N, C-alpha and C. Protein backbone atom coordinates (compact mmCIF):
# COMPACT_ATOMS: atom_id res chain seq x y z
N LEU A 1 0.69 -1.33 -0.03
CA LEU A 1 0.43 0.43 0.08
C LEU A 1 0.84 1.51 -0.14
N PHE A 2 2.32 1.09 0.93
CA PHE A 2 3.22 2.37 1.07
C PHE A 2 3.84 2.44 -0.74
N LYS A 3 3.57 1.98 -1.01
CA LYS A 3 4.93 1.73 -2.29
C LYS A 3 3.59 1.84 -3.58
N SER A 4 2.15 1.50 -3.26
CA SER A 4 1.33 2.27 -4.16
C SER A 4 1.45 3.75 -4.85
N GLU A 5 1.98 3.91 -3.53
CA GLU A 5 2.22 6.08 -2.75
C GLU A 5 3.58 6.15 -3.51
N ASP A 6 4.60 5.33 -3.74
CA ASP A 6 5.78 6.11 -3.34
C ASP A 6 6.77 4.63 -3.06
N LYS A 7 6.98 3.93 -4.70
CA LYS A 7 7.59 2.47 -5.07
C LYS A 7 8.64 3.03 -3.96
N CYS A 8 9.81 4.02 -3.74
CA CYS A 8 10.65 3.77 -3.11
C CYS A 8 10.48 4.26 -1.01
N VAL A 9 9.29 4.51 -1.70
CA VAL A 9 9.04 4.26 0.20
C VAL A 9 10.55 3.41 1.77
N HIS A 10 10.80 1.90 1.39
CA HIS A 10 11.48 1.36 2.18
C HIS A 10 12.80 1.65 2.28
N ASP A 11 13.22 2.22 1.11
CA ASP A 11 14.75 3.33 1.18
C ASP A 11 14.20 4.05 2.14
N LYS A 12 13.37 5.00 2.17
CA LYS A 12 13.34 5.92 2.86
C LYS A 12 12.92 5.01 4.52
N PHE A 13 12.26 4.52 4.36
CA PHE A 13 12.23 3.25 5.95
C PHE A 13 13.32 2.98 6.24
N TYR A 14 14.50 2.99 5.36
CA TYR A 14 15.81 2.26 6.09
C TYR A 14 16.59 3.80 6.65
N LYS A 15 16.41 4.33 5.45
CA LYS A 15 17.22 5.72 5.87
C LYS A 15 17.20 6.21 7.54
N PHE A 16 15.80 6.06 7.88
CA PHE A 16 15.02 6.47 9.32
C PHE A 16 15.71 5.63 9.68
N SER A 17 15.72 4.94 10.03
CA SER A 17 15.91 3.55 11.05
C SER A 17 17.38 3.50 10.83
N GLU A 18 18.54 3.96 10.60
CA GLU A 18 20.21 3.49 10.65
C GLU A 18 19.61 5.50 11.28
N ILE A 19 19.23 6.39 10.68
CA ILE A 19 19.47 7.37 11.43
C ILE A 19 19.15 7.87 13.21
N LEU A 20 18.06 6.94 13.52
CA LEU A 20 18.08 6.02 14.95
C LEU A 20 18.64 4.81 15.74
N ASN A 21 19.49 4.82 14.91
CA ASN A 21 20.11 3.51 15.33
C ASN A 21 21.50 4.98 15.87
N SER A 22 22.11 5.79 14.36
CA SER A 22 23.09 6.35 14.86
C SER A 22 22.74 6.87 15.72
N TYR A 23 21.30 7.91 16.32
CA TYR A 23 21.04 8.94 17.76
C TYR A 23 21.76 7.74 18.76
N ASP A 24 20.48 6.66 19.02
CA ASP A 24 21.08 5.91 19.59
C ASP A 24 22.78 5.51 20.43
N ASP A 25 23.42 5.25 19.10
CA ASP A 25 24.55 5.01 19.69
C ASP A 25 24.79 6.11 20.18
N PHE A 26 24.46 7.35 19.91
CA PHE A 26 25.16 8.50 20.35
C PHE A 26 25.31 8.41 21.79
N ILE A 27 23.31 8.08 22.07
CA ILE A 27 23.40 8.47 23.50
C ILE A 27 23.38 7.19 24.27
N GLU A 28 23.92 6.50 24.27
CA GLU A 28 24.39 5.08 24.15
C GLU A 28 26.51 5.45 25.33
N ARG A 29 26.80 5.98 23.91
CA ARG A 29 28.32 6.81 24.15
C ARG A 29 28.58 7.63 25.10
N CYS A 30 27.15 8.09 25.71
CA CYS A 30 26.55 10.05 26.57
C CYS A 30 26.81 9.16 27.89
N VAL A 31 25.76 7.56 28.28
CA VAL A 31 25.83 6.72 28.80
C VAL A 31 27.17 6.36 29.29
N ASP A 32 27.76 5.66 28.80
CA ASP A 32 28.86 5.01 29.02
C ASP A 32 30.20 6.28 28.99
N ARG A 33 29.96 7.08 29.02
CA ARG A 33 30.60 8.62 29.47
C ARG A 33 29.84 8.91 31.19
N GLU A 34 29.16 9.07 31.39
CA GLU A 34 28.59 8.86 33.13
C GLU A 34 28.17 7.97 33.80
N PHE A 35 28.33 7.04 33.01
CA PHE A 35 27.35 6.47 34.61
C PHE A 35 28.60 5.86 35.73
N SER A 36 29.75 5.93 35.16
CA SER A 36 30.85 5.73 36.57
C SER A 36 30.91 7.03 37.50
N SER A 37 30.57 7.82 36.70
CA SER A 37 30.53 9.21 37.79
C SER A 37 29.01 9.77 38.63
N VAL A 38 27.80 8.86 38.59
CA VAL A 38 27.43 8.90 38.90
C VAL A 38 26.46 7.85 39.61
N TYR A 39 27.29 6.32 39.30
CA TYR A 39 26.65 5.48 39.70
C TYR A 39 28.34 4.08 40.45
N PHE A 40 27.96 4.04 41.60
CA PHE A 40 29.10 3.47 42.13
C PHE A 40 28.50 2.95 43.57
N ASP A 41 29.12 1.48 44.05
CA ASP A 41 29.13 1.10 44.95
C ASP A 41 28.07 0.89 45.23
N GLY A 42 27.33 0.39 44.52
CA GLY A 42 26.05 0.53 43.57
C GLY A 42 24.64 0.80 44.57
N ALA A 43 25.50 2.21 44.83
CA ALA A 43 24.06 3.59 44.70
C ALA A 43 23.73 4.61 43.81
N LEU A 44 23.41 5.21 43.42
CA LEU A 44 23.12 6.77 42.74
C LEU A 44 23.57 7.76 43.35
N VAL A 45 24.25 8.18 42.60
CA VAL A 45 24.60 9.88 43.86
C VAL A 45 23.83 10.86 43.23
N ILE A 46 22.53 11.22 43.88
CA ILE A 46 21.79 12.10 42.82
C ILE A 46 22.10 13.26 43.00
N ASP A 47 23.18 14.24 43.00
CA ASP A 47 22.76 15.60 43.02
C ASP A 47 24.25 16.15 41.71
N LYS A 48 24.77 14.55 42.10
CA LYS A 48 25.68 14.39 39.93
C LYS A 48 24.28 13.54 39.22
N PHE A 49 23.31 13.31 39.56
CA PHE A 49 22.83 12.39 38.37
C PHE A 49 22.15 14.01 38.07
N LEU A 50 21.22 14.38 39.21
CA LEU A 50 20.48 15.58 38.53
C LEU A 50 21.56 16.18 37.51
N SER A 51 22.39 16.64 36.94
CA SER A 51 22.58 17.52 36.32
C SER A 51 22.78 17.14 34.88
N LEU A 52 22.65 15.89 34.77
CA LEU A 52 22.42 15.12 33.87
C LEU A 52 20.91 15.32 32.47
N ASP A 53 21.13 15.25 31.45
CA ASP A 53 19.63 15.92 30.49
C ASP A 53 19.04 14.24 31.28
N LYS A 54 17.47 14.28 31.01
CA LYS A 54 16.90 13.13 31.74
C LYS A 54 16.90 12.04 30.46
N VAL A 55 16.84 12.60 29.02
CA VAL A 55 17.04 11.35 28.18
C VAL A 55 18.01 10.31 28.69
N ILE A 56 19.17 10.94 28.95
CA ILE A 56 21.00 10.22 29.74
C ILE A 56 20.56 9.77 30.95
N GLY A 57 19.36 10.86 31.57
CA GLY A 57 19.67 10.00 33.39
C GLY A 57 18.03 8.72 32.99
N MET A 58 17.09 8.79 32.01
CA MET A 58 16.59 7.44 31.93
C MET A 58 17.32 6.70 31.80
N ARG A 59 18.38 6.30 30.35
CA ARG A 59 19.11 5.58 30.48
C ARG A 59 20.03 5.08 30.79
N ILE A 60 20.32 5.67 31.95
CA ILE A 60 21.25 5.19 32.85
C ILE A 60 20.12 3.94 34.54
N ILE A 61 19.08 4.88 33.73
CA ILE A 61 18.13 3.45 34.94
C ILE A 61 17.89 2.44 34.53
N ASP A 62 18.03 2.70 33.23
CA ASP A 62 17.24 0.96 32.65
C ASP A 62 18.50 0.36 32.78
N ARG A 63 19.88 0.89 33.04
CA ARG A 63 21.22 0.53 32.95
C ARG A 63 21.47 -0.41 34.34
N ILE A 64 20.67 0.60 35.18
CA ILE A 64 21.16 0.11 36.94
C ILE A 64 20.20 -1.23 36.93
N LEU A 65 18.98 -0.93 36.46
CA LEU A 65 17.79 -1.80 36.74
C LEU A 65 18.05 -3.17 35.57
N LEU A 66 18.17 -3.25 34.65
CA LEU A 66 19.03 -3.96 33.40
C LEU A 66 20.19 -5.09 34.71
N SER A 67 21.06 -4.95 35.29
CA SER A 67 21.99 -4.75 35.63
C SER A 67 21.70 -5.47 37.00
N PHE A 68 20.56 -5.08 38.35
CA PHE A 68 20.37 -5.20 39.00
C PHE A 68 19.42 -6.88 38.97
N TYR A 69 18.47 -6.43 37.88
CA TYR A 69 18.09 -8.07 37.48
C TYR A 69 18.47 -9.35 36.59
N GLY A 70 19.30 -8.48 36.34
CA GLY A 70 19.43 -9.90 35.37
C GLY A 70 18.60 -10.42 34.39
N SER A 71 18.70 -11.55 34.51
CA SER A 71 17.35 -12.61 33.16
C SER A 71 15.64 -11.84 33.91
N SER A 72 15.76 -11.42 35.05
CA SER A 72 15.02 -11.04 35.72
C SER A 72 13.74 -9.78 34.84
N ILE A 73 14.40 -9.15 33.95
CA ILE A 73 14.00 -7.20 33.89
C ILE A 73 13.14 -7.37 33.03
N SER A 74 12.31 -8.60 32.78
CA SER A 74 11.01 -8.86 32.09
C SER A 74 10.28 -8.36 32.99
N PHE A 75 10.44 -8.13 34.40
CA PHE A 75 9.52 -7.80 34.98
C PHE A 75 8.71 -6.28 35.63
N ILE A 76 10.37 -5.79 34.69
CA ILE A 76 10.11 -3.79 34.71
C ILE A 76 9.83 -3.56 33.46
N ASN A 77 9.19 -2.23 33.63
CA ASN A 77 9.20 -1.68 32.60
C ASN A 77 8.76 -0.35 32.48
N ASP A 78 8.76 0.39 30.84
CA ASP A 78 9.02 1.89 31.30
C ASP A 78 7.80 3.07 31.95
N LYS A 79 6.94 2.35 32.86
CA LYS A 79 6.53 2.80 34.02
C LYS A 79 7.20 3.27 35.01
N HIS A 80 8.13 1.81 35.95
CA HIS A 80 8.85 1.71 36.81
C HIS A 80 9.71 3.04 36.53
N VAL A 81 10.82 3.29 35.21
CA VAL A 81 12.01 3.39 34.88
C VAL A 81 11.13 5.23 35.79
N LEU A 82 10.23 5.66 35.10
CA LEU A 82 9.63 6.67 35.02
C LEU A 82 9.31 7.37 36.67
N LEU A 83 8.59 5.87 37.21
CA LEU A 83 8.56 6.04 38.39
C LEU A 83 9.81 5.95 39.22
N ILE A 84 11.22 5.78 38.89
CA ILE A 84 12.26 5.60 39.57
C ILE A 84 12.79 7.10 39.71
N TYR A 85 12.95 8.05 37.87
CA TYR A 85 13.29 9.38 37.55
C TYR A 85 12.50 10.40 38.26
N ASP A 86 11.70 10.27 38.28
CA ASP A 86 10.27 10.71 39.25
C ASP A 86 10.84 10.70 40.88
N LEU A 87 11.11 9.83 41.79
CA LEU A 87 11.48 9.43 42.93
C LEU A 87 12.35 10.71 43.25
N ILE A 88 13.44 10.01 42.29
CA ILE A 88 14.83 11.18 42.25
C ILE A 88 14.71 12.17 42.78
N CYS A 89 13.48 12.80 41.50
CA CYS A 89 13.70 14.66 40.91
C CYS A 89 13.33 15.20 42.25
N SER A 90 12.43 14.11 43.09
CA SER A 90 11.25 15.29 43.89
C SER A 90 12.59 15.54 45.07
N LYS A 91 11.57 16.36 45.91
CA LYS A 91 12.23 16.95 47.12
C LYS A 91 12.11 16.13 47.35
N ARG A 92 11.85 15.24 47.52
CA ARG A 92 11.64 14.10 49.39
C ARG A 92 12.47 13.35 49.80
N VAL A 93 13.76 12.76 50.53
CA VAL A 93 14.66 13.17 51.23
C VAL A 93 15.15 11.27 50.89
N ASN A 94 14.23 11.36 52.14
CA ASN A 94 13.68 9.75 52.26
C ASN A 94 12.55 8.56 51.59
N VAL A 95 12.55 8.08 51.21
CA VAL A 95 11.38 7.49 50.75
C VAL A 95 11.99 5.71 49.97
N ILE A 96 11.21 4.74 49.94
CA ILE A 96 11.42 3.39 50.57
C ILE A 96 9.78 3.75 48.90
N ILE A 97 9.80 3.14 47.67
CA ILE A 97 8.95 2.70 46.74
C ILE A 97 9.45 0.59 46.31
N ASN A 98 8.21 0.38 46.29
CA ASN A 98 7.90 -1.79 45.83
C ASN A 98 8.75 -1.56 43.87
N LEU A 99 9.15 -2.06 43.94
CA LEU A 99 9.48 -2.58 42.50
C LEU A 99 9.09 -4.43 42.35
N PRO A 100 9.19 -4.47 40.97
CA PRO A 100 8.75 -5.78 40.90
C PRO A 100 9.42 -7.01 41.14
N ASN A 101 8.89 -8.35 42.02
CA ASN A 101 9.77 -9.03 42.14
C ASN A 101 10.82 -8.87 43.74
N GLY A 102 10.15 -8.57 44.26
CA GLY A 102 10.62 -8.53 45.70
C GLY A 102 12.04 -7.27 45.91
N VAL A 103 11.24 -6.63 44.91
CA VAL A 103 13.01 -5.56 45.23
C VAL A 103 12.52 -3.71 45.58
N SER A 104 13.12 -3.61 46.77
CA SER A 104 12.86 -1.92 46.53
C SER A 104 13.82 -0.96 45.89
N GLY A 105 13.53 -0.10 45.84
CA GLY A 105 14.31 1.46 45.48
C GLY A 105 14.06 2.09 47.12
N VAL A 106 14.80 2.44 47.00
CA VAL A 106 15.59 3.37 48.25
C VAL A 106 16.51 4.66 48.46
N LYS A 107 15.11 5.57 48.20
CA LYS A 107 16.25 6.91 49.02
C LYS A 107 16.51 7.91 50.16
N SER A 108 18.09 8.03 49.99
CA SER A 108 18.42 8.37 51.94
C SER A 108 19.09 9.06 50.81
N TYR A 109 18.73 10.98 50.82
CA TYR A 109 19.64 11.88 50.68
C TYR A 109 20.05 11.47 49.45
N ASN A 110 21.00 12.38 49.52
CA ASN A 110 21.86 12.01 48.20
C ASN A 110 22.08 10.87 46.99
N SER A 111 21.30 9.57 47.88
CA SER A 111 20.99 8.32 47.21
C SER A 111 19.79 8.04 46.62
N PHE A 112 20.78 6.64 45.47
CA PHE A 112 19.41 5.92 45.63
C PHE A 112 20.01 4.77 45.18
N LYS A 113 19.63 4.04 45.64
CA LYS A 113 20.30 2.12 45.24
C LYS A 113 19.06 0.83 45.47
N LEU A 114 19.12 0.31 44.90
CA LEU A 114 18.28 -0.89 44.89
C LEU A 114 18.74 -2.58 46.38
N VAL A 115 17.35 -2.79 46.69
CA VAL A 115 18.03 -4.16 47.28
C VAL A 115 16.83 -5.05 47.39
N ASN A 116 17.21 -5.90 47.41
CA ASN A 116 16.03 -7.44 47.65
C ASN A 116 15.65 -7.44 49.20
N ASN A 117 14.43 -7.95 48.82
CA ASN A 117 13.87 -8.17 49.20
C ASN A 117 14.23 -7.07 50.81
N TYR A 118 13.91 -6.12 50.61
CA TYR A 118 14.10 -5.11 52.46
C TYR A 118 12.46 -4.89 53.12
N VAL A 119 12.84 -4.61 54.30
CA VAL A 119 12.16 -4.81 55.33
C VAL A 119 12.33 -4.37 56.41
N PHE A 120 11.66 -3.76 56.77
CA PHE A 120 11.69 -2.71 58.30
C PHE A 120 12.20 -4.04 60.06
N SER A 121 13.54 -3.83 59.90
CA SER A 121 13.54 -4.72 61.01
C SER A 121 13.02 -4.28 62.38
N ASP A 122 12.55 -5.56 62.43
CA ASP A 122 11.81 -5.56 64.22
C ASP A 122 13.04 -4.59 64.91
N GLY A 123 14.43 -4.54 64.74
CA GLY A 123 15.60 -4.51 66.22
C GLY A 123 15.69 -5.99 66.80
N TYR A 124 16.36 -5.22 67.62
CA TYR A 124 17.35 -5.99 67.92
C TYR A 124 17.79 -5.58 69.46
N SER A 125 17.82 -6.97 70.30
CA SER A 125 18.36 -6.56 71.80
C SER A 125 19.40 -7.36 72.17
N PHE A 126 20.70 -7.06 72.64
CA PHE A 126 21.80 -7.93 73.59
C PHE A 126 21.86 -7.95 74.27
N VAL A 127 22.31 -8.85 74.57
CA VAL A 127 23.31 -9.15 76.20
C VAL A 127 24.59 -8.61 75.92
N PHE A 128 24.74 -7.54 77.33
CA PHE A 128 26.18 -7.20 77.43
C PHE A 128 26.76 -7.49 78.19
N TYR A 129 28.50 -7.97 77.62
CA TYR A 129 29.63 -8.16 79.19
C TYR A 129 30.56 -7.45 79.23
N ASP A 130 31.55 -8.19 77.76
CA ASP A 130 32.31 -7.45 77.28
C ASP A 130 32.63 -6.30 76.13
N LYS A 131 31.96 -6.90 74.84
CA LYS A 131 31.56 -6.38 73.55
C LYS A 131 30.78 -6.96 72.51
N VAL A 132 30.05 -6.56 72.08
CA VAL A 132 29.32 -6.89 71.59
C VAL A 132 29.44 -6.40 70.08
N SER A 133 29.41 -6.95 69.02
CA SER A 133 29.29 -6.49 67.53
C SER A 133 28.12 -5.86 66.43
N LEU A 134 27.71 -4.95 66.59
CA LEU A 134 26.50 -4.51 66.26
C LEU A 134 26.01 -4.96 64.55
N PRO A 135 25.05 -4.79 63.62
CA PRO A 135 24.82 -5.27 62.27
C PRO A 135 24.64 -4.33 61.68
N ASN A 136 25.12 -2.73 62.12
CA ASN A 136 25.89 -1.79 60.98
C ASN A 136 27.11 -1.93 61.47
N GLY A 137 27.97 -3.10 61.61
CA GLY A 137 29.57 -2.82 61.38
C GLY A 137 30.33 -2.24 61.94
N LYS A 138 29.18 -1.36 63.11
CA LYS A 138 29.87 -0.91 64.92
C LYS A 138 30.40 -2.14 65.89
N SER A 139 30.72 -1.99 66.60
CA SER A 139 30.69 -2.44 68.08
C SER A 139 31.19 -1.71 69.21
N ILE A 140 30.74 -1.59 70.52
CA ILE A 140 30.34 -1.35 71.63
C ILE A 140 31.50 -2.28 72.15
N GLU A 141 32.47 -1.26 73.31
CA GLU A 141 33.49 -2.00 74.26
C GLU A 141 33.19 -2.08 75.71
N LYS A 142 33.77 -2.91 76.26
CA LYS A 142 33.76 -2.13 77.67
C LYS A 142 35.37 -2.07 77.86
N VAL A 143 35.47 -0.97 78.61
CA VAL A 143 37.15 -0.60 78.16
C VAL A 143 37.75 -0.38 79.67
N LYS A 144 38.29 0.03 80.86
CA LYS A 144 38.43 -0.26 82.12
C LYS A 144 38.92 1.29 82.22
N LYS A 145 39.57 2.47 81.09
CA LYS A 145 40.28 3.39 80.82
C LYS A 145 40.39 4.26 79.90
N THR A 146 40.24 5.70 79.01
CA THR A 146 40.28 6.16 78.43
C THR A 146 40.75 7.31 78.47
N SER A 147 41.35 8.24 77.62
CA SER A 147 41.20 9.29 77.90
C SER A 147 40.69 10.12 76.94
N LEU A 148 39.44 9.06 76.08
CA LEU A 148 38.15 10.19 75.26
C LEU A 148 37.80 10.30 76.12
N ASN A 149 37.42 11.20 75.39
CA ASN A 149 35.72 13.10 75.73
C ASN A 149 34.54 13.31 74.85
N ASP A 150 34.31 12.50 74.70
CA ASP A 150 33.27 12.95 73.23
C ASP A 150 32.43 12.10 73.24
N ASN A 151 31.15 11.91 72.76
CA ASN A 151 30.03 11.39 72.04
C ASN A 151 30.09 9.60 71.87
N ASN A 152 31.13 9.46 71.59
CA ASN A 152 31.64 7.84 71.33
C ASN A 152 31.96 7.53 72.17
N VAL A 153 32.13 7.68 73.73
CA VAL A 153 32.49 7.14 75.25
C VAL A 153 30.88 7.33 75.94
N ILE A 154 30.90 6.92 76.77
CA ILE A 154 29.58 6.64 78.14
C ILE A 154 30.81 6.31 78.90
N ARG A 155 30.12 7.07 79.91
CA ARG A 155 31.44 6.52 81.43
C ARG A 155 29.57 6.51 82.15
N LEU A 156 29.54 4.87 83.39
CA LEU A 156 28.88 4.86 83.97
C LEU A 156 29.10 4.63 85.04
N ASN A 157 28.84 4.87 86.06
CA ASN A 157 28.62 4.60 87.37
C ASN A 157 27.93 3.15 88.16
N SER A 158 29.05 2.65 88.48
CA SER A 158 28.50 1.39 88.97
C SER A 158 27.81 0.85 90.04
N ASN A 159 27.70 2.40 90.58
CA ASN A 159 26.65 1.64 92.09
C ASN A 159 25.79 2.30 91.01
N ASP A 160 25.66 2.72 89.86
CA ASP A 160 24.08 3.04 89.14
C ASP A 160 23.49 1.66 88.56
N VAL A 161 24.06 1.33 88.02
CA VAL A 161 23.96 -0.24 86.84
C VAL A 161 23.82 -1.60 87.42
N VAL A 162 22.67 -2.09 86.75
CA VAL A 162 21.34 -2.94 86.66
C VAL A 162 21.65 -3.65 85.61
N LEU A 163 23.16 -4.99 86.11
CA LEU A 163 23.14 -5.87 85.36
C LEU A 163 21.77 -7.07 85.31
N PRO A 164 22.22 -7.92 84.05
CA PRO A 164 22.64 -7.39 83.00
C PRO A 164 22.22 -6.56 82.47
N LEU A 165 23.46 -6.07 81.08
CA LEU A 165 23.52 -4.33 79.85
C LEU A 165 22.73 -4.94 79.46
N TYR A 166 21.82 -3.89 78.38
CA TYR A 166 21.79 -4.62 76.60
C TYR A 166 22.48 -3.01 75.69
N VAL A 167 22.60 -4.02 74.52
CA VAL A 167 22.20 -3.01 73.89
C VAL A 167 21.56 -3.19 72.92
N ARG A 168 20.76 -2.04 72.75
CA ARG A 168 20.09 -2.31 71.30
C ARG A 168 19.05 -1.74 70.96
N SER A 169 17.80 -2.32 69.86
CA SER A 169 17.77 -1.22 68.53
C SER A 169 17.22 0.25 69.07
N ARG A 170 16.91 1.38 68.06
CA ARG A 170 15.69 2.51 68.37
C ARG A 170 14.19 1.84 68.71
N ARG A 171 13.45 2.59 69.55
CA ARG A 171 12.22 2.16 70.58
C ARG A 171 11.59 3.94 69.83
N ASN A 172 10.79 3.73 69.30
CA ASN A 172 9.07 5.08 69.09
C ASN A 172 9.93 6.31 70.35
N GLY A 173 9.85 7.00 70.63
CA GLY A 173 9.83 7.77 71.79
C GLY A 173 11.58 8.14 72.23
N ASP A 174 12.39 6.95 71.63
CA ASP A 174 13.93 7.17 72.79
C ASP A 174 14.19 8.71 72.46
N ARG A 175 14.81 8.84 73.51
CA ARG A 175 15.90 10.41 73.70
C ARG A 175 17.81 9.95 74.75
N MET A 176 17.65 11.28 73.70
CA MET A 176 19.23 11.09 74.15
C MET A 176 19.55 12.17 74.49
N ASN A 177 20.42 12.10 76.34
CA ASN A 177 21.27 13.14 76.34
C ASN A 177 22.90 13.17 75.55
N VAL A 178 22.80 14.27 74.64
CA VAL A 178 23.67 14.69 74.14
C VAL A 178 24.69 15.54 74.56
N LEU A 179 25.95 15.63 74.35
CA LEU A 179 26.90 15.82 75.07
C LEU A 179 27.52 17.37 74.84
N GLY A 180 27.21 18.42 75.84
CA GLY A 180 27.29 19.79 74.92
C GLY A 180 25.99 20.75 75.11
N MET A 181 24.43 19.01 75.16
CA MET A 181 23.26 19.89 74.97
C MET A 181 22.77 19.79 76.50
N HIS A 182 21.86 21.18 76.67
CA HIS A 182 20.85 20.95 77.90
C HIS A 182 19.98 20.06 78.03
N GLY A 183 19.72 19.68 77.88
CA GLY A 183 18.22 18.31 78.29
C GLY A 183 18.69 17.53 76.68
N SER A 184 16.88 16.79 76.61
CA SER A 184 17.26 15.63 75.80
C SER A 184 17.41 15.77 74.33
N LYS A 185 16.99 14.93 73.24
CA LYS A 185 16.70 15.08 72.52
C LYS A 185 16.08 13.71 71.64
N LYS A 186 15.27 13.67 71.18
CA LYS A 186 15.06 12.48 70.36
C LYS A 186 15.85 11.42 69.31
N LEU A 187 15.80 10.56 69.22
CA LEU A 187 16.64 9.89 68.33
C LEU A 187 16.38 10.30 66.55
N LYS A 188 15.12 9.98 66.29
CA LYS A 188 14.44 10.16 65.38
C LYS A 188 15.19 11.60 64.62
N ASP A 189 15.08 12.78 65.91
CA ASP A 189 15.95 14.16 65.59
C ASP A 189 16.78 14.09 64.66
N ILE A 190 17.90 12.96 65.44
CA ILE A 190 19.05 13.38 65.83
C ILE A 190 19.48 12.51 64.59
N PHE A 191 18.74 11.23 64.10
CA PHE A 191 19.17 10.50 63.09
C PHE A 191 18.62 11.32 61.18
N ILE A 192 18.17 12.67 61.38
CA ILE A 192 17.11 13.29 60.58
C ILE A 192 18.50 14.77 60.18
N ASP A 193 19.54 15.30 61.80
CA ASP A 193 20.12 16.22 61.60
C ASP A 193 21.01 15.33 60.91
N GLU A 194 21.88 14.33 61.52
CA GLU A 194 23.24 14.06 61.23
C GLU A 194 22.58 13.56 59.63
N LYS A 195 21.89 13.37 59.20
CA LYS A 195 21.55 12.52 58.14
C LYS A 195 21.38 10.86 57.48
N ILE A 196 21.15 10.66 58.75
CA ILE A 196 21.68 9.23 58.93
C ILE A 196 20.68 8.23 57.64
N PRO A 197 20.91 7.39 56.40
CA PRO A 197 20.14 6.69 55.54
C PRO A 197 18.93 6.39 56.31
N ILE A 198 17.67 6.30 56.24
CA ILE A 198 16.70 5.90 56.68
C ILE A 198 16.99 3.54 56.03
N ILE A 199 16.76 3.37 55.71
CA ILE A 199 17.82 1.92 55.00
C ILE A 199 18.33 1.50 56.38
N ASP A 200 19.25 2.42 57.00
CA ASP A 200 20.09 2.26 58.18
C ASP A 200 19.50 2.53 60.05
N ARG A 201 18.02 3.65 59.74
CA ARG A 201 18.44 3.32 61.55
C ARG A 201 17.66 1.93 61.66
N CYS A 202 16.80 1.54 61.15
CA CYS A 202 16.53 0.50 62.27
C CYS A 202 17.90 -0.81 63.01
N LEU A 203 18.40 -0.63 62.00
CA LEU A 203 20.46 -1.04 62.40
C LEU A 203 20.84 -0.05 63.82
N TRP A 204 21.24 0.72 64.51
CA TRP A 204 21.87 2.18 64.92
C TRP A 204 21.67 1.54 66.69
C-alpha cells in the first residue's frame, strides 16, 4: 500500500532507521561516559545525576535495572523507569518504593539504591558483657579507662548500673542526652540532623 504511493518508500524507512540507530549509539556513548561518575558502590549519587539530561538519566536507570535484575528484567517496564526517575527528582529525601519481584528502591538523602527483599527490622536486643558487634558494622566495648571524652564514650557509675546490660536498636519515643547540649533530644531528630540513611536507622 505504501509502495503504491511511493515506490521507494522502503529506502526512506531504511534511512530513517539508520538515523535512529546513530542517535541511539550517540546516547549510549554519553551514558558510557557519565555512568561511572554517577553510579558506584551500588548507589546512584543524586546531585550528580540531576545535572544530566533526562534522556541520559532515564537510560542510566535502564542500565542499573538491567544489571540488578539480570534475566528477570522482563518484570520491569517503562512505567517503573519513570517512577524511579520522578522519585529521584522529587524533594523527598527519605522514601522507599516497592518494585517487582521483591525489590525495593531506596532514596536516602543524596543516594538511591536497589535492594532485595527490603523490610523494616523489628530491631534487636543483645546482652552486653565485654564487647558486642552490631548489625551496622559498629561495635561497643567495655574498657577500664580511656582519655577520650567525646560522644563515642559513655561513663557509667557502677553503683547505678543494674546488670545485665542490653544493647538494643531504637524504639519509638527514644531520647538521648547529648554532650554539650542542655536537656534531651529525640533519636528521630538526631538521625535526621546527621543524615543517617533511612535504610540504616533500624540497625543503629
